Amino acid sequence: MNNAEKKFIDDINSIKMNDEEKSKTERIVFSYIENNPIKPRRNLSIFPGFLFSHKAISMYSIALLVMIFGVSQVAADALPGEFLYPVKINVNEGVVKSLSITNKSKARVYADIAEERLIELEKISKISEPSQEIVDDLNTNFKEHSEKSHEYITKIKEEGDLSAANEIVSDFKTALDAHTEIIPEVKGHENTVNEVSIQNSKLTELDKSIDAQIASSTDQSDLDEIASETLENSEKKIKKLDISLKKIEDASENTVEAQETLELAKDVIEEIKDNLEKGNVKEAISLSDQINMIVNKTTTQIEVEDELLQFKKDENNSGEDLDFK
């Protein structure tokens, strides 16, 4: 066994799952067993033996599933430069993209992956100064996924699903706004901020186009449907912010501001409902859009900042000296 092979085996053996990952893997495996029961069948070979039986093949499939899914679960938190990062971006994200069938789901997935690249940059810069190559790769990947998300949002808009297009644009745009304020002073960060600004500008133009289409609509049933969906989305986002605030252990100035935003949002929800009762549908939609952006940005900021804080604590406790060069 040469040194490269030995290193590969050592890296595989070093992969460990935490309790949450183990529990999730266990649920997946038992679900697989339940949905794929072993049925008594004749041997596949003229030679009797366990090796060639359907039972053996099924058991091997389960073992393979456990191995692949276990590695995939651990890879979900991998960072650029780490051993399992290629699994994360090529396998995990590839599977998610393959399972996205509708334009709506594709727009969401690509936007989420684009945001993940920003989170990764923020995490690694908390530990050490990343190499310019890593920063450039993250920027390129962010740009590619952002533009694919724009492409699918445009298709949703052309299909006439203005409510869905409006929600995804709002969520993606406010996420980028939040990260623009969070991205730390690291080598190459100017390029990242610049690229985020470019993509955000494209989203702003798309958002204006959607708003104009909604404002010019004369179909009352369509407007009522959009108003109902945007109100529902607003209430979901407020609930998410409320839950996020309750989970945060270390209070900060941002969490205090977030609590104030939450109370303001609840008041605006009542104003939206009042407008709907009076028939001011377009005004209700406009208010929902505004509160969605404010709440979503606040939620993203406190969640990411809390995640970065916990990540830094975990790395300090691990005692490992990580270097992302």
Protein backbone atom coordinates (compact mmCIF):
# COMPACT_ATOMS: atom_id res chain seq x y z
CA MET A 1 0.00 0.00 0.00
CA ASN A 2 1.52 3.31 -1.04
CA ASN A 3 1.33 6.56 0.94
CA ALA A 4 -1.57 7.96 -1.12
CA GLU A 5 -3.66 4.82 -0.55
CA LYS A 6 -2.82 4.79 3.15
CA LYS A 7 -3.84 8.46 3.48
CA PHE A 8 -7.13 7.73 1.70
CA ILE A 9 -7.90 4.84 4.09
CA ASP A 10 -6.96 6.94 7.11
CA ASP A 11 -9.21 9.78 5.92
CA ILE A 12 -12.13 7.35 5.48
CA ASN A 13 -11.58 5.87 8.94
CA SER A 14 -11.50 9.36 10.46
CA ILE A 15 -15.03 10.13 9.30
CA LYS A 16 -17.32 10.27 12.31
CA MET A 17 -21.03 11.02 12.54
CA ASN A 18 -22.55 12.93 15.43
CA ASP A 19 -25.67 11.67 17.23
CA GLU A 20 -28.05 13.63 15.01
CA GLU A 21 -26.41 12.27 11.84
CA LYS A 22 -26.47 8.72 13.21
CA SER A 23 -30.16 9.04 14.10
CA LYS A 24 -31.05 10.37 10.67
CA THR A 25 -29.07 7.62 8.95
CA GLU A 26 -30.84 5.02 11.08
CA ARG A 27 -34.26 6.38 10.08
CA ILE A 28 -33.33 6.29 6.40
CA VAL A 29 -32.04 2.72 6.62
CA PHE A 30 -35.10 1.39 8.45
CA SER A 31 -37.35 3.21 6.00
CA TYR A 32 -35.46 1.55 3.14
CA ILE A 33 -35.85 -1.89 4.78
CA GLU A 34 -39.57 -1.31 5.36
CA ASN A 35 -40.18 -0.24 1.77
CA ASN A 36 -37.97 -2.94 0.28
CA PRO A 37 -38.78 -6.14 2.18
CA ILE A 38 -36.76 -9.26 1.41
CA LYS A 39 -38.91 -11.85 -0.32
CA PRO A 40 -38.02 -15.53 -0.44
CA ARG A 41 -36.76 -16.29 -3.93
CA ARG A 42 -34.68 -18.91 -5.60
CA ASN A 43 -30.93 -18.45 -5.87
CA LEU A 44 -29.71 -16.42 -8.82
CA SER A 45 -26.98 -18.93 -9.51
CA ILE A 46 -26.89 -22.66 -10.16
CA PHE A 47 -24.39 -22.69 -7.31
CA PRO A 48 -26.21 -22.66 -3.98
CA GLY A 49 -24.94 -20.12 -1.56
CA PHE A 50 -25.63 -16.89 0.21
CA LEU A 51 -23.37 -14.86 -2.06
CA PHE A 52 -25.64 -15.15 -5.08
CA SER A 53 -29.02 -14.92 -3.36
CA HIS A 54 -31.49 -12.06 -3.56
CA LYS A 55 -31.19 -11.81 0.20
CA ALA A 56 -27.46 -11.28 -0.08
CA ILE A 57 -27.90 -8.64 -2.78
CA SER A 58 -30.51 -6.84 -0.69
CA MET A 59 -28.27 -6.89 2.37
CA TYR A 60 -25.34 -5.59 0.32
CA SER A 61 -27.60 -2.81 -0.98
CA ILE A 62 -28.47 -1.82 2.57
CA ALA A 63 -24.82 -1.86 3.60
CA LEU A 64 -23.93 0.29 0.59
CA LEU A 65 -26.80 2.64 1.39
CA VAL A 66 -25.58 3.03 4.97
CA MET A 67 -22.02 3.74 3.85
CA ILE A 68 -22.96 6.23 1.12
CA PHE A 69 -25.62 8.02 3.14
CA GLY A 70 -23.41 8.17 6.22
CA VAL A 71 -20.58 9.78 4.29
CA SER A 72 -23.05 12.07 2.55
CA GLN A 73 -24.51 13.22 5.88
CA VAL A 74 -21.09 14.06 7.29
CA ALA A 75 -20.17 15.79 4.03
CA ALA A 76 -23.12 18.17 4.40
CA ASP A 77 -21.07 20.31 6.79
CA ALA A 78 -17.77 20.02 4.90
CA LEU A 79 -15.91 23.20 4.01
CA PRO A 80 -13.72 24.06 0.99
CA GLY A 81 -10.37 22.31 1.21
CA GLU A 82 -11.66 19.50 3.43
CA PHE A 83 -11.61 15.86 2.41
CA LEU A 84 -15.40 15.48 1.97
CA TYR A 85 -16.10 18.83 0.31
CA PRO A 86 -16.16 17.29 -3.21
CA VAL A 87 -18.84 14.87 -1.95
CA LYS A 88 -20.89 17.80 -0.73
CA ILE A 89 -20.83 19.83 -3.95
CA ASN A 90 -20.79 16.97 -6.47
CA VAL A 91 -22.90 14.29 -4.79
CA ASN A 92 -25.15 15.91 -2.19
CA GLU A 93 -25.97 19.02 -4.17
CA GLY A 94 -26.10 17.07 -7.42
CA VAL A 95 -28.77 14.76 -5.99
CA VAL A 96 -30.82 17.69 -4.67
CA LYS A 97 -30.70 19.40 -8.06
CA SER A 98 -31.67 16.17 -9.83
CA LEU A 99 -34.69 15.73 -7.56
CA SER A 100 -35.91 19.27 -8.30
CA ILE A 101 -38.51 18.89 -11.02
CA THR A 102 -40.49 22.12 -11.15
CA ASN A 103 -39.12 25.55 -12.00
CA LYS A 104 -40.15 26.67 -8.53
CA SER A 105 -38.16 23.95 -6.76
CA LYS A 106 -35.17 24.52 -9.06
CA ALA A 107 -35.17 28.25 -8.37
CA ARG A 108 -35.21 27.55 -4.62
CA VAL A 109 -32.47 24.93 -4.75
CA TYR A 110 -30.07 27.05 -6.81
CA ALA A 111 -30.69 30.07 -4.56
CA ASP A 112 -30.05 27.98 -1.44
CA ILE A 113 -26.81 26.56 -2.86
CA ALA A 114 -25.64 30.06 -3.84
CA GLU A 115 -26.24 31.23 -0.28
CA GLU A 116 -24.40 28.17 1.08
CA ARG A 117 -21.24 29.32 -0.73
CA LEU A 118 -21.41 32.61 1.19
CA ILE A 119 -21.92 30.80 4.49
CA GLU A 120 -18.89 28.62 3.75
CA LEU A 121 -16.74 31.69 3.13
CA GLU A 122 -17.92 33.23 6.38
CA LYS A 123 -17.17 30.04 8.31
CA ILE A 124 -13.66 29.41 7.03
CA SER A 125 -12.69 33.05 7.54
CA LYS A 126 -13.63 32.66 11.22
CA ILE A 127 -10.79 30.13 11.55
CA SER A 128 -8.04 31.29 9.25
CA GLU A 129 -7.43 33.37 6.15
CA PRO A 130 -8.55 31.31 3.15
CA SER A 131 -6.42 31.15 0.02
CA GLN A 132 -7.32 33.35 -2.92
CA GLU A 133 -8.01 30.20 -4.94
CA ILE A 134 -10.68 29.04 -2.49
CA VAL A 135 -12.28 32.50 -2.38
CA ASP A 136 -12.31 32.70 -6.18
CA ASP A 137 -13.82 29.21 -6.50
CA LEU A 138 -16.57 30.10 -4.01
CA ASN A 139 -17.30 33.35 -5.86
CA THR A 140 -17.54 31.53 -9.20
CA ASN A 141 -19.81 28.85 -7.78
CA PHE A 142 -21.97 31.48 -6.11
CA LYS A 143 -22.34 33.37 -9.39
CA GLU A 144 -23.24 30.24 -11.39
CA HIS A 145 -25.96 29.14 -8.97
CA SER A 146 -27.33 32.67 -8.56
CA GLU A 147 -27.74 33.07 -12.30
CA LYS A 148 -29.43 29.68 -12.62
CA SER A 149 -31.86 30.73 -9.89
CA HIS A 150 -32.59 33.97 -11.79
CA GLU A 151 -33.24 31.90 -14.90
CA TYR A 152 -35.83 29.70 -13.19
CA ILE A 153 -37.48 32.63 -11.40
CA THR A 154 -37.96 34.28 -14.80
CA LYS A 155 -39.59 31.09 -16.08
CA ILE A 156 -41.94 31.05 -13.07
CA LYS A 157 -42.88 34.66 -13.81
CA GLU A 158 -43.53 33.83 -17.48
CA GLU A 159 -45.74 30.94 -16.40
CA GLY A 160 -47.90 33.46 -14.52
CA ASP A 161 -47.16 32.23 -10.99
CA LEU A 162 -46.41 35.73 -9.74
CA SER A 163 -46.87 34.82 -6.08
CA ALA A 164 -44.18 32.12 -6.19
CA ALA A 165 -41.80 34.28 -8.25
CA ASN A 166 -42.34 37.19 -5.89
CA GLU A 167 -41.66 35.08 -2.79
CA ILE A 168 -38.46 33.47 -4.10
CA VAL A 169 -37.05 36.80 -5.31
CA SER A 170 -37.84 38.39 -1.95
CA ASP A 171 -36.27 35.56 0.04
CA PHE A 172 -33.13 35.37 -2.11
CA LYS A 173 -32.66 39.13 -2.21
CA THR A 174 -32.99 39.60 1.55
CA ALA A 175 -30.62 36.68 2.16
CA LEU A 176 -28.02 38.43 0.00
CA ASP A 177 -28.65 41.70 1.82
CA ALA A 178 -28.01 39.97 5.13
CA HIS A 179 -24.79 38.31 3.97
CA THR A 180 -23.46 41.56 2.54
CA GLU A 181 -23.41 42.88 6.11
CA ILE A 182 -22.01 39.64 7.58
CA ILE A 183 -19.18 38.86 5.14
CA PRO A 184 -16.01 39.58 7.15
CA GLU A 185 -12.83 41.36 6.18
CA VAL A 186 -10.98 38.48 4.53
CA LYS A 187 -8.61 38.22 1.62
CA GLY A 188 -10.58 38.60 -1.60
CA HIS A 189 -13.79 39.65 0.16
CA GLU A 190 -14.09 42.72 -2.09
CA ASN A 191 -14.75 40.44 -5.07
CA THR A 192 -17.36 38.55 -3.09
CA VAL A 193 -19.19 41.70 -2.02
CA ASN A 194 -19.05 42.98 -5.59
CA GLU A 195 -20.50 39.76 -7.01
CA VAL A 196 -23.25 39.69 -4.36
CA SER A 197 -24.08 43.29 -5.29
CA ILE A 198 -24.30 42.39 -9.00
CA GLN A 199 -26.62 39.46 -8.35
CA ASN A 200 -28.69 41.54 -5.95
CA SER A 201 -29.14 44.23 -8.60
CA LYS A 202 -30.45 41.61 -11.02
CA LEU A 203 -32.91 40.41 -8.39
CA THR A 204 -34.04 43.99 -7.77
CA GLU A 205 -34.83 44.47 -11.46
CA LEU A 206 -36.68 41.16 -11.54
CA ASP A 207 -38.58 42.14 -8.39
CA LYS A 208 -39.64 45.46 -9.97
CA SER A 209 -40.83 43.61 -13.07
CA ILE A 210 -42.95 41.24 -10.98
CA ASP A 211 -44.38 44.09 -8.91
CA ALA A 212 -45.29 45.99 -12.09
CA GLN A 213 -47.06 42.92 -13.46
CA ILE A 214 -49.02 42.52 -10.22
CA ALA A 215 -49.89 46.24 -10.14
CA SER A 216 -51.20 46.15 -13.72
CA SER A 217 -53.30 43.04 -13.16
CA THR A 218 -57.06 43.51 -13.45
CA ASP A 219 -57.99 39.92 -12.64
CA GLN A 220 -59.45 40.14 -9.14
CA SER A 221 -59.31 36.40 -8.54
CA ASP A 222 -55.59 36.38 -9.34
CA LEU A 223 -54.98 39.33 -7.03
CA ASP A 224 -56.96 37.70 -4.22
CA GLU A 225 -54.91 34.53 -4.60
CA ILE A 226 -51.61 36.44 -4.56
CA ALA A 227 -52.73 38.44 -1.50
CA SER A 228 -53.75 35.27 0.35
CA GLU A 229 -50.45 33.53 -0.42
CA THR A 230 -48.28 36.52 0.47
CA LEU A 231 -50.13 36.91 3.79
CA GLU A 232 -49.60 33.23 4.52
CA ASN A 233 -45.91 33.57 3.66
CA SER A 234 -45.62 36.60 5.95
CA GLU A 235 -47.14 34.71 8.86
CA LYS A 236 -44.78 31.75 8.25
CA LYS A 237 -41.74 34.04 8.20
CA ILE A 238 -42.81 35.74 11.42
CA LYS A 239 -43.22 32.33 13.06
CA LYS A 240 -39.77 31.29 11.82
CA LEU A 241 -38.20 34.44 13.27
CA ASP A 242 -39.96 33.82 16.58
CA ILE A 243 -38.62 30.24 16.70
CA SER A 244 -35.11 31.36 15.74
CA LEU A 245 -35.03 33.92 18.54
CA LYS A 246 -36.08 31.33 21.11
CA LYS A 247 -33.26 28.99 20.02
CA ILE A 248 -30.47 31.53 20.38
CA GLU A 249 -28.58 31.12 23.64
CA ASP A 250 -26.34 34.20 23.59
CA ALA A 251 -28.33 37.42 23.41
CA SER A 252 -26.78 40.29 21.47
CA GLU A 253 -27.66 43.70 20.13
CA ASN A 254 -28.89 42.04 16.95
CA THR A 255 -31.27 39.73 18.82
CA VAL A 256 -32.77 42.70 20.66
CA GLU A 257 -33.33 44.47 17.33
CA ALA A 258 -34.77 41.25 15.90
CA GLN A 259 -37.27 41.07 18.76
CA GLU A 260 -38.36 44.63 17.97
CA THR A 261 -38.71 43.69 14.29
CA LEU A 262 -40.85 40.71 15.30
CA GLU A 263 -43.28 42.89 17.28
CA LEU A 264 -43.47 45.41 14.42
CA ALA A 265 -44.18 42.62 11.95
CA LYS A 266 -47.06 41.32 14.04
CA ASP A 267 -48.63 44.78 13.98
CA VAL A 268 -48.22 45.01 10.21
CA ILE A 269 -49.94 41.64 9.78
CA GLU A 270 -53.03 43.11 11.42
CA GLU A 271 -52.82 46.08 9.04
CA ILE A 272 -52.60 43.70 6.07
CA LYS A 273 -55.70 41.83 7.22
CA ASP A 274 -57.53 45.12 7.68
CA ASN A 275 -56.68 46.14 4.10
CA LEU A 276 -57.92 42.80 2.79
CA GLU A 277 -61.23 43.21 4.62
CA LYS A 278 -61.62 46.66 3.02
CA GLY A 279 -60.79 45.32 -0.43
CA ASN A 280 -57.44 47.07 -0.69
CA VAL A 281 -55.80 43.99 -2.14
CA LYS A 282 -52.84 45.60 -3.88
CA GLU A 283 -51.99 47.59 -0.75
CA ALA A 284 -52.11 44.37 1.27
CA ILE A 285 -49.75 42.68 -1.19
CA SER A 286 -47.34 45.61 -1.04
CA LEU A 287 -47.30 45.56 2.77
CA SER A 288 -46.74 41.79 2.78
CA ASP A 289 -43.77 42.18 0.44
CA GLN A 290 -42.23 44.84 2.67
CA ILE A 291 -42.64 42.88 5.89
CA ASN A 292 -41.41 39.68 4.23
CA MET A 293 -38.15 41.36 3.24
CA ILE A 294 -37.57 42.91 6.67
CA VAL A 295 -38.38 39.73 8.60
CA ASN A 296 -36.48 37.47 6.23
CA LYS A 297 -33.33 39.60 6.37
CA THR A 298 -33.48 39.76 10.17
CA THR A 299 -33.98 35.99 10.45
CA THR A 300 -31.08 35.27 8.10
CA GLN A 301 -28.77 37.61 10.00
CA ILE A 302 -29.41 36.18 13.45
CA GLU A 303 -29.40 32.56 12.26
CA VAL A 304 -26.14 32.90 10.33
CA GLU A 305 -24.45 34.88 13.10
CA ASP A 306 -25.54 32.31 15.68
CA GLU A 307 -24.36 29.48 13.42
CA LEU A 308 -20.98 31.16 12.94
CA LEU A 309 -20.66 31.70 16.69
CA GLN A 310 -21.44 28.05 17.44
CA PHE A 311 -19.11 26.94 14.65
CA LYS A 312 -16.27 29.01 16.12
CA LYS A 313 -16.92 27.56 19.58
CA ASP A 314 -16.92 24.01 18.22
CA GLU A 315 -13.65 24.56 16.39
CA ASN A 316 -12.04 26.07 19.48
CA ASN A 317 -13.21 23.12 21.59
CA SER A 318 -11.92 20.60 19.04
CA GLY A 319 -8.41 21.94 19.42
CA GLU A 320 -7.71 21.39 15.72
CA ASP A 321 -5.63 23.93 13.83
CA LEU A 322 -7.43 24.11 10.50
CA ASP A 323 -5.85 25.83 7.53
CA PHE A 324 -7.80 26.62 4.36
CA LYS A 325 -4.94 27.36 2.04
